[in-house]
Amino acid sequence: MPEIRVKSEIAGSVWKIVKQPGEAVEAEETLLILESMKMEIPVAAPKAGVLAALHVAEGEAVEEEQLVAVIRA
């Protein structure tokens, strides 16, 4: 199965984790929500698959282009 690396598009902090490793995800389904400049920005799965790993935790700061999740398609 190919792995899809999901990266943060912006710097901010992880406000809420929506999906957990092992769960199936659909294309464009929200995996987690970042907070940046008082705005909530969803991070979505680019393709359907299974969430293999999360590389962040709620409350953690993330940088732009940081790896946040891996999906097995």
C-alpha atoms as a PDB file:
ATOM      1  CA  MET A   1       0.000   0.000   0.000  1.00  0.00           C
ATOM      2  CA  PRO A   2       1.380   3.408  -0.880  1.00  0.00           C
ATOM      3  CA  GLU A   3       1.838   5.912   1.919  1.00  0.00           C
ATOM      4  CA  ILE A   4       0.511   9.451   1.623  1.00  0.00           C
ATOM      5  CA  ARG A   5       2.308  12.018   3.777  1.00  0.00           C
ATOM      6  CA  VAL A   6      -0.003  14.774   5.031  1.00  0.00           C
ATOM      7  CA  LYS A   7       1.689  18.076   5.874  1.00  0.00           C
ATOM      8  CA  SER A   8       0.509  21.242   7.572  1.00  0.00           C
ATOM      9  CA  GLU A   9      -0.116  24.090   5.143  1.00  0.00           C
ATOM     10  CA  ILE A  10       0.353  26.711   7.875  1.00  0.00           C
ATOM     11  CA  ALA A  11       2.075  27.244  11.198  1.00  0.00           C
ATOM     12  CA  GLY A  12      -0.193  27.069  14.233  1.00  0.00           C
ATOM     13  CA  SER A  13      -1.207  24.651  16.950  1.00  0.00           C
ATOM     14  CA  VAL A  14      -3.247  21.461  16.899  1.00  0.00           C
ATOM     15  CA  TRP A  15      -6.661  22.458  18.224  1.00  0.00           C
ATOM     16  CA  LYS A  16      -8.474  19.118  17.803  1.00  0.00           C
ATOM     17  CA  ILE A  17      -7.702  15.651  16.476  1.00  0.00           C
ATOM     18  CA  VAL A  18     -10.713  14.280  14.611  1.00  0.00           C
ATOM     19  CA  LYS A  19      -9.505  10.868  13.384  1.00  0.00           C
ATOM     20  CA  GLN A  20      -7.346   8.302  15.184  1.00  0.00           C
ATOM     21  CA  PRO A  21      -4.775   5.863  13.734  1.00  0.00           C
ATOM     22  CA  GLY A  22      -6.416   2.750  12.346  1.00  0.00           C
ATOM     23  CA  GLU A  23      -9.590   4.558  11.261  1.00  0.00           C
ATOM     24  CA  ALA A  24     -10.677   4.625   7.632  1.00  0.00           C
ATOM     25  CA  VAL A  25     -10.770   8.072   6.032  1.00  0.00           C
ATOM     26  CA  GLU A  26     -12.411   9.351   2.878  1.00  0.00           C
ATOM     27  CA  ALA A  27     -10.821  11.803   0.455  1.00  0.00           C
ATOM     28  CA  GLU A  28     -11.180  15.367   1.776  1.00  0.00           C
ATOM     29  CA  GLU A  29     -12.293  14.141   5.229  1.00  0.00           C
ATOM     30  CA  THR A  30     -10.924  16.236   8.113  1.00  0.00           C
ATOM     31  CA  LEU A  31      -8.121  14.535  10.059  1.00  0.00           C
ATOM     32  CA  LEU A  32      -7.369  17.334  12.501  1.00  0.00           C
ATOM     33  CA  ILE A  33      -7.994  21.022  13.023  1.00  0.00           C
ATOM     34  CA  LEU A  34      -5.260  23.605  13.429  1.00  0.00           C
ATOM     35  CA  GLU A  35      -5.670  26.972  15.122  1.00  0.00           C
ATOM     36  CA  SER A  36      -3.771  29.881  13.648  1.00  0.00           C
ATOM     37  CA  MET A  37      -4.434  33.583  14.197  1.00  0.00           C
ATOM     38  CA  LYS A  38      -7.732  32.749  15.993  1.00  0.00           C
ATOM     39  CA  MET A  39      -8.948  30.783  12.937  1.00  0.00           C
ATOM     40  CA  GLU A  40      -9.715  27.057  12.745  1.00  0.00           C
ATOM     41  CA  ILE A  41      -8.111  25.430   9.710  1.00  0.00           C
ATOM     42  CA  PRO A  42      -9.025  21.805   8.890  1.00  0.00           C
ATOM     43  CA  VAL A  43      -6.323  19.446   7.619  1.00  0.00           C
ATOM     44  CA  ALA A  44      -7.981  16.989   5.245  1.00  0.00           C
ATOM     45  CA  ALA A  45      -6.991  13.631   3.800  1.00  0.00           C
ATOM     46  CA  PRO A  46      -5.905  14.089   0.176  1.00  0.00           C
ATOM     47  CA  LYS A  47      -7.064  10.542  -0.691  1.00  0.00           C
ATOM     48  CA  ALA A  48      -9.115   7.777   0.882  1.00  0.00           C
ATOM     49  CA  GLY A  49      -7.360   5.138   2.950  1.00  0.00           C
ATOM     50  CA  VAL A  50      -6.516   4.242   6.536  1.00  0.00           C
ATOM     51  CA  LEU A  51      -4.902   6.701   8.906  1.00  0.00           C
ATOM     52  CA  ALA A  52      -1.633   4.901   9.644  1.00  0.00           C
ATOM     53  CA  ALA A  53      -0.050   7.438  12.004  1.00  0.00           C
ATOM     54  CA  LEU A  54      -0.469  10.838  13.597  1.00  0.00           C
ATOM     55  CA  HIS A  55       2.737  12.772  14.209  1.00  0.00           C
ATOM     56  CA  VAL A  56       1.175  15.493  16.372  1.00  0.00           C
ATOM     57  CA  ALA A  57      -0.873  15.780  19.567  1.00  0.00           C
ATOM     58  CA  GLU A  58      -3.591  18.216  20.646  1.00  0.00           C
ATOM     59  CA  GLY A  59      -2.055  21.471  21.847  1.00  0.00           C
ATOM     60  CA  GLU A  60       1.217  20.872  19.993  1.00  0.00           C
ATOM     61  CA  ALA A  61       2.714  23.659  17.875  1.00  0.00           C
ATOM     62  CA  VAL A  62       3.313  22.838  14.197  1.00  0.00           C
ATOM     63  CA  GLU A  63       5.378  24.544  11.526  1.00  0.00           C
ATOM     64  CA  GLU A  64       4.414  25.117   7.912  1.00  0.00           C
ATOM     65  CA  GLU A  65       5.092  21.952   5.846  1.00  0.00           C
ATOM     66  CA  GLN A  66       5.524  19.803   8.979  1.00  0.00           C
ATOM     67  CA  LEU A  67       4.477  16.152   8.636  1.00  0.00           C
ATOM     68  CA  VAL A  68       1.287  15.692  10.675  1.00  0.00           C
ATOM     69  CA  ALA A  69      -0.101  12.333   9.484  1.00  0.00           C
ATOM     70  CA  VAL A  70       0.446   9.331   7.227  1.00  0.00           C
ATOM     71  CA  ILE A  71      -2.340   7.591   5.298  1.00  0.00           C
ATOM     72  CA  ARG A  72      -2.096   4.176   3.654  1.00  0.00           C
ATOM     73  CA  ALA A  73      -4.109   4.278   0.469  1.00  0.00           C
END
